[in-house]
Amino acid sequence: MWNPFRNLGDKPYECPLCGWQGMMEPSPPLNDAPCPECGTLMLPRSWMDTWGRTILILSLVVAAVLFVAYFGQGNRLWD
């Protein structure tokens, strides 16, 4: 049976040696995990590496669209 909470402890990893990417269960205290391909110890990727840049770019695009939608209809600041 599918459990939506089974992977809450998993973190995204990327091996600097072989390039393997995936989710692994971290081991305390350093949150490192061995690469399943080559055995190199990997540290988890940060939030900014995984979703931060995507959310930043998406918010800039939404802000630009809203700016053009408001000011592109002939609304002027100094009337």
Protein backbone atom coordinates (compact mmCIF):
# COMPACT_ATOMS: atom_id res chain seq x y z
CA MET A 1 0.00 0.00 0.00
CA TRP A 2 1.26 3.47 -0.91
CA ASN A 3 2.28 5.63 2.05
CA PRO A 4 2.70 9.36 1.28
CA PHE A 5 4.82 9.90 4.42
CA ARG A 6 7.38 7.13 3.90
CA ASN A 7 10.02 9.36 2.26
CA LEU A 8 9.87 12.38 4.58
CA GLY A 9 13.39 11.70 5.87
CA ASP A 10 14.88 11.30 2.40
CA LYS A 11 17.00 14.14 1.01
CA PRO A 12 18.20 14.90 -2.53
CA TYR A 13 21.80 13.93 -3.19
CA GLU A 14 24.18 14.32 -6.12
CA CYS A 15 27.49 12.45 -6.33
CA PRO A 16 30.41 14.75 -7.19
CA LEU A 17 32.39 11.83 -8.64
CA CYS A 18 30.01 9.85 -10.88
CA GLY A 19 27.07 12.28 -11.13
CA TRP A 20 24.41 9.97 -9.64
CA GLN A 21 21.33 11.90 -8.46
CA GLY A 22 18.54 10.68 -6.25
CA MET A 23 16.93 10.52 -2.85
CA MET A 24 18.74 8.82 0.03
CA GLU A 25 18.11 8.32 3.73
CA PRO A 26 20.71 10.49 5.53
CA SER A 27 22.86 9.21 8.35
CA PRO A 28 23.35 11.48 11.39
CA PRO A 29 25.16 13.68 12.42
CA LEU A 30 26.50 14.99 9.06
CA ASN A 31 23.52 13.91 6.90
CA ASP A 32 25.91 12.21 4.50
CA ALA A 33 25.07 9.07 2.51
CA PRO A 34 27.13 6.69 0.35
CA CYS A 35 26.64 6.83 -3.40
CA PRO A 36 24.96 3.60 -4.60
CA GLU A 37 27.04 3.65 -7.80
CA CYS A 38 30.61 4.37 -6.65
CA GLY A 39 30.48 4.50 -2.83
CA THR A 40 31.62 8.12 -2.45
CA LEU A 41 30.16 9.96 0.55
CA MET A 42 27.68 12.58 -0.60
CA LEU A 43 26.30 15.60 1.25
CA PRO A 44 22.65 16.60 0.65
CA ARG A 45 21.88 19.36 -1.82
CA SER A 46 20.59 22.57 -0.27
CA TRP A 47 17.08 23.93 -0.67
CA MET A 48 18.41 26.67 -2.95
CA ASP A 49 20.02 24.06 -5.23
CA THR A 50 16.83 22.03 -5.58
CA TRP A 51 13.85 24.45 -5.62
CA GLY A 52 15.08 27.90 -4.65
CA ARG A 53 16.22 29.03 -8.09
CA THR A 54 13.09 27.67 -9.74
CA ILE A 55 10.81 29.54 -7.35
CA LEU A 56 12.88 32.72 -7.74
CA ILE A 57 12.68 32.63 -11.56
CA LEU A 58 8.97 31.80 -11.46
CA SER A 59 8.24 34.72 -9.12
CA LEU A 60 10.20 37.12 -11.36
CA VAL A 61 8.22 35.97 -14.40
CA VAL A 62 4.91 36.38 -12.57
CA ALA A 63 5.93 39.85 -11.38
CA ALA A 64 6.89 40.87 -14.93
CA VAL A 65 3.59 39.58 -16.34
CA LEU A 66 1.59 41.43 -13.69
CA PHE A 67 3.60 44.62 -14.29
CA VAL A 68 2.98 44.49 -18.05
CA ALA A 69 -0.69 43.59 -17.55
CA TYR A 70 -1.26 46.60 -15.28
CA PHE A 71 0.87 49.26 -16.96
CA GLY A 72 0.40 47.98 -20.53
CA GLN A 73 -3.30 48.90 -20.61
CA GLY A 74 -2.75 52.64 -20.68
CA ASN A 75 -2.79 53.15 -16.93
CA ARG A 76 -0.38 55.92 -16.12
CA LEU A 77 1.29 56.73 -12.84
CA TRP A 78 1.38 60.50 -13.37
CA ASP A 79 -2.04 61.60 -14.66
